[in-house]
N, C-alpha and C. Protein backbone atom coordinates (compact mmCIF):
# COMPACT_ATOMS: atom_id res chain seq x y z
N MET A 1 -53.14 -7.21 -41.72
CA MET A 1 -52.52 -8.00 -40.67
C MET A 1 -51.45 -7.15 -39.99
N PRO A 2 -51.43 -7.11 -38.67
CA PRO A 2 -50.44 -6.30 -37.96
C PRO A 2 -49.03 -6.90 -38.08
N TYR A 3 -48.06 -6.04 -37.94
CA TYR A 3 -46.66 -6.45 -37.99
C TYR A 3 -46.34 -7.35 -36.81
N GLN A 4 -45.68 -8.48 -37.07
CA GLN A 4 -45.35 -9.42 -36.01
C GLN A 4 -43.87 -9.70 -35.96
N GLY A 5 -43.05 -8.70 -36.22
CA GLY A 5 -41.60 -8.88 -36.22
C GLY A 5 -41.04 -8.94 -34.81
N ASP A 6 -39.76 -9.08 -34.74
CA ASP A 6 -39.05 -9.15 -33.46
C ASP A 6 -39.06 -7.78 -32.82
N THR A 7 -39.57 -7.69 -31.61
CA THR A 7 -39.61 -6.41 -30.90
C THR A 7 -38.61 -6.37 -29.75
N THR A 8 -37.69 -7.32 -29.73
CA THR A 8 -36.67 -7.35 -28.69
C THR A 8 -35.68 -6.22 -28.92
N PRO A 9 -35.43 -5.37 -27.93
CA PRO A 9 -34.48 -4.28 -28.14
C PRO A 9 -33.06 -4.81 -28.33
N ALA A 10 -32.32 -4.12 -29.19
CA ALA A 10 -30.93 -4.52 -29.43
C ALA A 10 -30.09 -4.23 -28.19
N THR A 11 -29.10 -5.06 -27.95
CA THR A 11 -28.21 -4.83 -26.82
C THR A 11 -27.12 -3.86 -27.22
N ALA A 12 -26.46 -3.27 -26.25
CA ALA A 12 -25.41 -2.30 -26.52
C ALA A 12 -24.17 -2.95 -27.11
N SER A 13 -23.97 -4.22 -26.84
CA SER A 13 -22.80 -4.91 -27.35
C SER A 13 -23.17 -6.32 -27.76
N THR A 14 -22.75 -6.72 -28.94
CA THR A 14 -23.00 -8.08 -29.40
C THR A 14 -21.69 -8.68 -29.86
N THR A 15 -21.74 -9.92 -30.28
CA THR A 15 -20.54 -10.59 -30.75
C THR A 15 -20.78 -11.09 -32.16
N GLU A 16 -19.87 -10.76 -33.06
CA GLU A 16 -19.97 -11.23 -34.43
C GLU A 16 -19.67 -12.72 -34.46
N THR A 17 -19.77 -13.32 -35.65
CA THR A 17 -19.51 -14.74 -35.78
C THR A 17 -18.08 -15.09 -35.42
N THR A 18 -17.18 -14.13 -35.47
CA THR A 18 -15.78 -14.40 -35.14
C THR A 18 -15.53 -14.38 -33.63
N GLY A 19 -16.54 -14.00 -32.85
CA GLY A 19 -16.36 -13.93 -31.41
C GLY A 19 -15.80 -12.60 -30.94
N THR A 20 -15.70 -11.63 -31.84
CA THR A 20 -15.16 -10.32 -31.50
C THR A 20 -16.30 -9.40 -31.11
N PRO A 21 -16.22 -8.73 -29.96
CA PRO A 21 -17.31 -7.85 -29.52
C PRO A 21 -17.44 -6.61 -30.41
N THR A 22 -18.68 -6.21 -30.67
CA THR A 22 -18.94 -5.00 -31.45
C THR A 22 -19.90 -4.12 -30.67
N VAL A 23 -19.93 -2.84 -31.01
CA VAL A 23 -20.85 -1.89 -30.39
C VAL A 23 -21.51 -1.07 -31.50
N ALA A 24 -22.71 -0.60 -31.22
CA ALA A 24 -23.40 0.28 -32.15
C ALA A 24 -22.75 1.65 -32.10
N VAL A 25 -22.53 2.25 -33.26
CA VAL A 25 -21.86 3.55 -33.33
C VAL A 25 -22.56 4.46 -34.34
N ILE A 26 -22.23 5.73 -34.25
CA ILE A 26 -22.65 6.70 -35.25
C ILE A 26 -21.36 7.28 -35.85
N PRO A 27 -21.00 6.86 -37.07
CA PRO A 27 -19.77 7.37 -37.67
C PRO A 27 -20.03 8.68 -38.42
N ALA A 28 -19.04 9.56 -38.40
CA ALA A 28 -19.07 10.79 -39.19
C ALA A 28 -17.96 10.68 -40.23
N VAL A 29 -18.32 10.89 -41.50
CA VAL A 29 -17.37 10.70 -42.59
C VAL A 29 -17.04 12.05 -43.22
N ASP A 30 -15.74 12.37 -43.28
CA ASP A 30 -15.26 13.57 -43.96
C ASP A 30 -14.81 13.14 -45.35
N LEU A 31 -15.62 13.46 -46.37
CA LEU A 31 -15.32 13.01 -47.73
C LEU A 31 -14.07 13.66 -48.31
N PHE A 32 -13.75 14.85 -47.89
CA PHE A 32 -12.58 15.55 -48.43
C PHE A 32 -11.28 14.99 -47.87
N LEU A 33 -11.22 14.79 -46.56
CA LEU A 33 -9.99 14.31 -45.92
C LEU A 33 -9.90 12.79 -45.86
N GLY A 34 -11.01 12.10 -46.06
CA GLY A 34 -11.01 10.65 -45.95
C GLY A 34 -11.00 10.19 -44.51
N ALA A 35 -11.38 11.07 -43.60
CA ALA A 35 -11.37 10.75 -42.18
C ALA A 35 -12.74 10.23 -41.74
N VAL A 36 -12.72 9.27 -40.84
CA VAL A 36 -13.94 8.73 -40.25
C VAL A 36 -13.82 8.88 -38.74
N THR A 37 -14.76 9.60 -38.14
CA THR A 37 -14.78 9.78 -36.70
C THR A 37 -15.89 8.90 -36.14
N ILE A 38 -15.53 8.11 -35.13
CA ILE A 38 -16.48 7.18 -34.54
C ILE A 38 -16.68 7.51 -33.07
N LEU A 39 -17.94 7.66 -32.69
CA LEU A 39 -18.31 7.88 -31.30
C LEU A 39 -18.97 6.60 -30.82
N ALA A 40 -18.33 5.94 -29.88
CA ALA A 40 -18.83 4.66 -29.35
C ALA A 40 -19.12 4.80 -27.88
N GLY A 41 -20.15 4.15 -27.42
CA GLY A 41 -20.49 4.17 -26.01
C GLY A 41 -21.60 5.14 -25.70
N ASN A 42 -21.99 5.17 -24.43
CA ASN A 42 -23.04 6.10 -24.03
C ASN A 42 -22.41 7.36 -23.45
N GLY A 43 -23.21 8.23 -22.90
CA GLY A 43 -22.72 9.52 -22.41
C GLY A 43 -21.59 9.44 -21.41
N ALA A 44 -21.64 8.50 -20.48
CA ALA A 44 -20.63 8.42 -19.42
C ALA A 44 -19.35 7.73 -19.89
N THR A 45 -19.47 6.80 -20.83
CA THR A 45 -18.29 6.03 -21.24
C THR A 45 -17.99 6.19 -22.73
N ALA A 46 -18.37 7.32 -23.30
CA ALA A 46 -18.18 7.53 -24.74
C ALA A 46 -16.69 7.63 -25.08
N ARG A 47 -16.32 6.96 -26.17
CA ARG A 47 -14.95 7.02 -26.67
C ARG A 47 -15.02 7.48 -28.13
N THR A 48 -14.14 8.38 -28.49
CA THR A 48 -14.09 8.87 -29.86
C THR A 48 -12.79 8.44 -30.49
N GLY A 49 -12.88 7.97 -31.72
CA GLY A 49 -11.69 7.57 -32.46
C GLY A 49 -11.71 8.18 -33.84
N ARG A 50 -10.54 8.56 -34.33
CA ARG A 50 -10.43 9.10 -35.69
C ARG A 50 -9.61 8.13 -36.52
N PHE A 51 -10.14 7.80 -37.68
CA PHE A 51 -9.52 6.81 -38.54
C PHE A 51 -9.53 7.31 -39.98
N ARG A 52 -8.84 6.57 -40.84
CA ARG A 52 -8.79 6.91 -42.27
C ARG A 52 -9.29 5.73 -43.09
N HIS A 53 -9.83 6.07 -44.27
CA HIS A 53 -10.21 5.07 -45.25
C HIS A 53 -9.92 5.66 -46.63
N PRO A 54 -9.34 4.85 -47.55
CA PRO A 54 -8.97 5.40 -48.85
C PRO A 54 -10.16 5.81 -49.71
N HIS A 55 -11.34 5.25 -49.45
CA HIS A 55 -12.54 5.58 -50.24
C HIS A 55 -13.71 5.93 -49.32
N PRO A 56 -13.67 7.12 -48.70
CA PRO A 56 -14.73 7.47 -47.74
C PRO A 56 -16.10 7.58 -48.38
N GLN A 57 -16.15 7.85 -49.68
CA GLN A 57 -17.45 7.96 -50.35
C GLN A 57 -18.20 6.63 -50.34
N LEU A 58 -17.48 5.50 -50.33
CA LEU A 58 -18.14 4.19 -50.25
C LEU A 58 -18.82 4.01 -48.89
N ILE A 59 -18.17 4.50 -47.84
CA ILE A 59 -18.77 4.43 -46.50
C ILE A 59 -20.00 5.32 -46.44
N ALA A 60 -19.91 6.53 -46.99
CA ALA A 60 -21.04 7.45 -46.98
C ALA A 60 -22.23 6.87 -47.75
N GLN A 61 -21.97 6.23 -48.89
CA GLN A 61 -23.05 5.61 -49.67
C GLN A 61 -23.70 4.48 -48.88
N ALA A 62 -22.89 3.66 -48.22
CA ALA A 62 -23.43 2.56 -47.42
C ALA A 62 -24.27 3.09 -46.27
N LEU A 63 -23.80 4.15 -45.61
CA LEU A 63 -24.55 4.72 -44.50
C LEU A 63 -25.90 5.27 -44.97
N ALA A 64 -25.94 5.81 -46.18
CA ALA A 64 -27.19 6.34 -46.74
C ALA A 64 -28.20 5.23 -47.01
N GLN A 65 -27.72 4.00 -47.19
CA GLN A 65 -28.59 2.85 -47.49
C GLN A 65 -28.76 1.92 -46.29
N ALA A 66 -28.26 2.31 -45.14
CA ALA A 66 -28.27 1.43 -43.95
C ALA A 66 -29.70 1.10 -43.52
N VAL A 67 -29.89 -0.17 -43.15
CA VAL A 67 -31.19 -0.61 -42.66
C VAL A 67 -31.10 -1.11 -41.22
N ARG A 68 -29.92 -1.13 -40.65
CA ARG A 68 -29.70 -1.55 -39.27
C ARG A 68 -28.64 -0.61 -38.67
N PRO A 69 -28.52 -0.59 -37.35
CA PRO A 69 -27.47 0.22 -36.74
C PRO A 69 -26.08 -0.21 -37.20
N THR A 70 -25.21 0.74 -37.36
CA THR A 70 -23.83 0.48 -37.77
C THR A 70 -23.07 -0.08 -36.58
N ARG A 71 -22.23 -1.09 -36.81
CA ARG A 71 -21.48 -1.77 -35.75
C ARG A 71 -20.00 -1.49 -35.92
N TRP A 72 -19.28 -1.40 -34.80
CA TRP A 72 -17.85 -1.12 -34.79
C TRP A 72 -17.14 -2.18 -33.96
N CYS A 73 -16.08 -2.75 -34.52
CA CYS A 73 -15.22 -3.68 -33.81
C CYS A 73 -13.88 -2.98 -33.61
N GLU A 74 -13.58 -2.63 -32.38
CA GLU A 74 -12.35 -1.88 -32.09
C GLU A 74 -11.10 -2.73 -32.28
N VAL A 75 -11.20 -4.02 -32.02
CA VAL A 75 -10.04 -4.91 -32.12
C VAL A 75 -9.54 -4.99 -33.57
N SER A 76 -10.45 -5.20 -34.51
CA SER A 76 -10.06 -5.34 -35.91
C SER A 76 -10.21 -4.03 -36.69
N ARG A 77 -10.70 -2.99 -36.03
CA ARG A 77 -10.96 -1.68 -36.65
C ARG A 77 -11.84 -1.83 -37.89
N THR A 78 -12.93 -2.60 -37.71
CA THR A 78 -13.85 -2.86 -38.80
C THR A 78 -15.20 -2.21 -38.53
N LEU A 79 -15.67 -1.43 -39.50
CA LEU A 79 -16.97 -0.80 -39.45
C LEU A 79 -17.91 -1.64 -40.32
N THR A 80 -19.01 -2.12 -39.75
CA THR A 80 -19.95 -2.96 -40.47
C THR A 80 -21.26 -2.21 -40.66
N VAL A 81 -21.64 -2.02 -41.92
CA VAL A 81 -22.88 -1.34 -42.27
C VAL A 81 -23.78 -2.34 -42.98
N THR A 82 -24.98 -2.53 -42.48
CA THR A 82 -25.94 -3.43 -43.12
C THR A 82 -26.83 -2.61 -44.03
N VAL A 83 -26.79 -2.92 -45.33
CA VAL A 83 -27.54 -2.18 -46.33
C VAL A 83 -28.66 -3.04 -46.90
N ALA A 84 -29.64 -2.39 -47.48
CA ALA A 84 -30.74 -3.11 -48.12
C ALA A 84 -30.21 -3.91 -49.30
N ALA A 85 -30.74 -5.11 -49.47
CA ALA A 85 -30.32 -5.97 -50.57
C ALA A 85 -31.52 -6.77 -51.07
N ALA A 86 -31.71 -6.80 -52.38
CA ALA A 86 -32.82 -7.54 -52.97
C ALA A 86 -32.69 -9.02 -52.66
N GLY A 87 -33.78 -9.61 -52.18
CA GLY A 87 -33.79 -11.03 -51.89
C GLY A 87 -33.16 -11.42 -50.57
N ARG A 88 -32.69 -10.44 -49.80
CA ARG A 88 -32.07 -10.74 -48.50
C ARG A 88 -32.81 -9.96 -47.43
N ARG A 89 -33.62 -10.66 -46.69
CA ARG A 89 -34.46 -10.02 -45.68
C ARG A 89 -33.65 -9.25 -44.64
N ASP A 90 -32.53 -9.79 -44.22
CA ASP A 90 -31.71 -9.13 -43.20
C ASP A 90 -30.73 -8.12 -43.79
N GLY A 91 -30.73 -7.95 -45.10
CA GLY A 91 -29.81 -7.03 -45.74
C GLY A 91 -28.45 -7.66 -45.96
N ALA A 92 -27.54 -6.90 -46.54
CA ALA A 92 -26.18 -7.37 -46.80
C ALA A 92 -25.21 -6.53 -45.98
N GLN A 93 -24.24 -7.20 -45.38
CA GLN A 93 -23.25 -6.48 -44.57
C GLN A 93 -22.11 -6.01 -45.45
N ARG A 94 -21.78 -4.72 -45.33
CA ARG A 94 -20.61 -4.16 -46.00
C ARG A 94 -19.62 -3.84 -44.89
N GLN A 95 -18.41 -4.35 -45.01
CA GLN A 95 -17.40 -4.13 -43.98
C GLN A 95 -16.28 -3.25 -44.52
N PHE A 96 -15.86 -2.31 -43.69
CA PHE A 96 -14.80 -1.37 -44.04
C PHE A 96 -13.74 -1.43 -42.95
N THR A 97 -12.53 -1.77 -43.34
CA THR A 97 -11.42 -1.79 -42.39
C THR A 97 -10.75 -0.43 -42.42
N LEU A 98 -10.66 0.19 -41.25
CA LEU A 98 -10.11 1.54 -41.14
C LEU A 98 -8.70 1.49 -40.58
N SER A 99 -7.91 2.49 -40.94
CA SER A 99 -6.57 2.60 -40.38
C SER A 99 -6.52 3.79 -39.45
N ARG A 100 -5.61 3.74 -38.50
CA ARG A 100 -5.45 4.84 -37.55
C ARG A 100 -5.08 6.11 -38.30
N GLU A 101 -5.67 7.22 -37.87
CA GLU A 101 -5.34 8.49 -38.50
C GLU A 101 -3.98 8.97 -38.00
N ASP A 102 -3.17 9.48 -38.91
CA ASP A 102 -1.86 10.02 -38.52
C ASP A 102 -2.06 11.28 -37.72
N PRO A 103 -1.30 11.45 -36.63
CA PRO A 103 -1.45 12.67 -35.84
C PRO A 103 -1.07 13.90 -36.65
N ALA A 104 -1.84 14.94 -36.53
CA ALA A 104 -1.59 16.16 -37.30
C ALA A 104 -0.51 17.01 -36.67
């Protein structure tokens, strides 16, 4: 039987249940420094932000298990990674609150 899932393309920006807008991002995690660099937006309107997290290895592990695009909420500085989860078709959301990186 052929796959009959949802083929609707994801939009560039959605709203979480809290009403806060999120965007799809590709985060880069520096495990040594604990820094997370986020590139949000497309080529013309791309914004880069550098943040810190006390346990960057948890973010890296979640990204390795991601089953959906990673979402970023700039207002709450929350990175949401949806990972595979037994018994949950849509996966489980892991949320990481990041803090602003101190200027070097």
